[in-house]
Protein backbone atom coordinates (compact mmCIF):
# COMPACT_ATOMS: atom_id res chain seq x y z
CA MET A 1 8.29 -9.60 -27.52
CA SER A 2 5.15 -7.91 -26.99
CA CYS A 3 5.19 -5.48 -24.66
CA GLN A 4 1.66 -6.46 -24.18
CA PRO A 5 1.32 -7.08 -20.38
CA THR A 6 1.20 -10.54 -18.58
CA VAL A 7 -2.48 -11.55 -17.54
CA LEU A 8 -0.49 -11.90 -13.85
CA ILE A 9 0.42 -8.90 -13.95
CA GLN A 10 -2.91 -7.42 -14.91
CA VAL A 11 -4.34 -9.14 -11.81
CA ALA A 12 -1.36 -8.34 -9.87
CA SER A 13 -2.02 -4.49 -10.58
CA PHE A 14 -5.72 -5.33 -9.73
CA ALA A 15 -5.56 -6.76 -6.54
CA GLY A 16 -2.86 -3.71 -5.77
CA ALA A 17 -5.22 -0.84 -6.61
CA LEU A 18 -8.05 -3.26 -4.66
CA MET A 19 -6.33 -3.71 -1.75
CA VAL A 20 -5.68 0.84 -1.86
CA LEU A 21 -9.12 1.16 -3.09
CA ILE A 22 -10.52 -0.52 -0.30
CA ALA A 23 -8.05 0.89 2.56
CA TYR A 24 -9.19 4.47 1.34
CA ALA A 25 -12.93 3.61 0.89
CA GLY A 26 -13.12 2.32 4.74
CA HIS A 27 -11.49 4.99 6.00
CA GLN A 28 -13.92 7.10 3.90
CA MET A 29 -16.50 5.60 5.24
CA GLY A 30 -15.37 5.47 8.45
CA TRP A 31 -15.28 1.37 8.58
CA MET A 32 -11.04 1.46 9.79
CA ARG A 33 -8.96 4.12 11.37
CA SER A 34 -6.56 5.37 9.03
CA ALA A 35 -3.59 4.48 12.36
CA SER A 36 -4.65 1.32 11.80
CA PRO A 37 -3.19 -1.58 11.71
CA ILE A 38 -4.77 -3.21 8.37
CA HIS A 39 -5.56 0.00 6.79
CA ASN A 40 -1.55 1.15 6.61
CA ILE A 41 -0.97 -3.18 5.68
CA LEU A 42 -3.37 -2.86 3.13
CA ASN A 43 -2.87 0.58 1.56
CA ALA A 44 1.78 -0.65 2.00
CA ALA A 45 1.28 -4.68 -0.17
CA GLY A 46 -0.83 -2.93 -2.69
CA SER A 47 1.23 0.25 -3.32
CA GLY A 48 4.19 -2.12 -3.16
CA ILE A 49 2.95 -4.21 -5.76
CA LEU A 50 1.90 -1.04 -8.01
CA GLY A 51 5.13 0.05 -7.31
CA TYR A 52 7.32 -2.91 -8.28
CA ILE A 53 4.88 -3.05 -11.49
CA ALA A 54 5.58 0.60 -12.20
CA LEU A 55 9.17 -0.36 -12.43
CA ARG A 56 9.45 -2.10 -15.54
CA PRO A 57 8.39 0.08 -17.96
CA PHE A 58 9.93 2.14 -16.01
CA GLN A 59 7.75 5.46 -14.86
CA LEU A 60 8.91 8.15 -12.54
CA GLY A 61 5.74 9.22 -11.90
CA PHE A 62 4.53 6.29 -10.29
CA VAL A 63 7.78 4.38 -8.40
CA VAL A 64 7.70 7.50 -7.19
CA MET A 65 4.18 8.00 -5.62
CA GLU A 66 4.22 3.58 -4.73
CA CYS A 67 7.58 3.56 -3.20
CA SER A 68 6.61 6.86 -0.68
CA TRP A 69 3.01 5.22 -0.34
CA VAL A 70 5.05 2.11 1.48
CA LEU A 71 7.07 4.37 2.86
CA LEU A 72 4.92 6.56 4.76
CA SER A 73 2.29 2.93 5.28
CA ILE A 74 5.79 1.30 6.64
CA TRP A 75 6.10 4.83 8.92
CA ALA A 76 2.31 4.73 10.44
CA LEU A 77 2.52 0.45 11.84
CA TRP A 78 6.16 0.99 13.14
CA LYS A 79 4.96 4.52 14.92
CA HIS A 80 1.42 2.65 16.05
CA ARG A 81 3.46 -0.48 16.97
CA ARG A 82 5.90 1.59 18.85
CA LYS A 83 3.46 3.10 20.72
CA HIS A 84 0.76 0.07 21.00
CA ALA A 85 4.16 -1.01 23.03
CA SER A 86 5.22 1.33 25.06
CA SER A 87 1.07 1.57 26.36
CA GLN A 88 1.92 -1.81 27.68
CA LYS A 89 4.68 -1.22 29.61
CA ALA A 90 2.82 1.58 31.77
């Protein structure tokens, strides 16, 4: 069995990295706020893909970084939704 990544894994990792980079560049260039849902969705999805890929072969540093990134992005989405829901009630 070969240790070479399959084309599908390469495409998925490229897509994941691209999502994270789009979110980062969007924030740095002022195209999107870091608290915006699209920013956090891109971060969560991209990091989730990269974190999953980092499981085989297991790479502890990447797994910790990507899983933390996913959790922080989901937390930011939850915080945004909660804030938006409470402002609708007021």
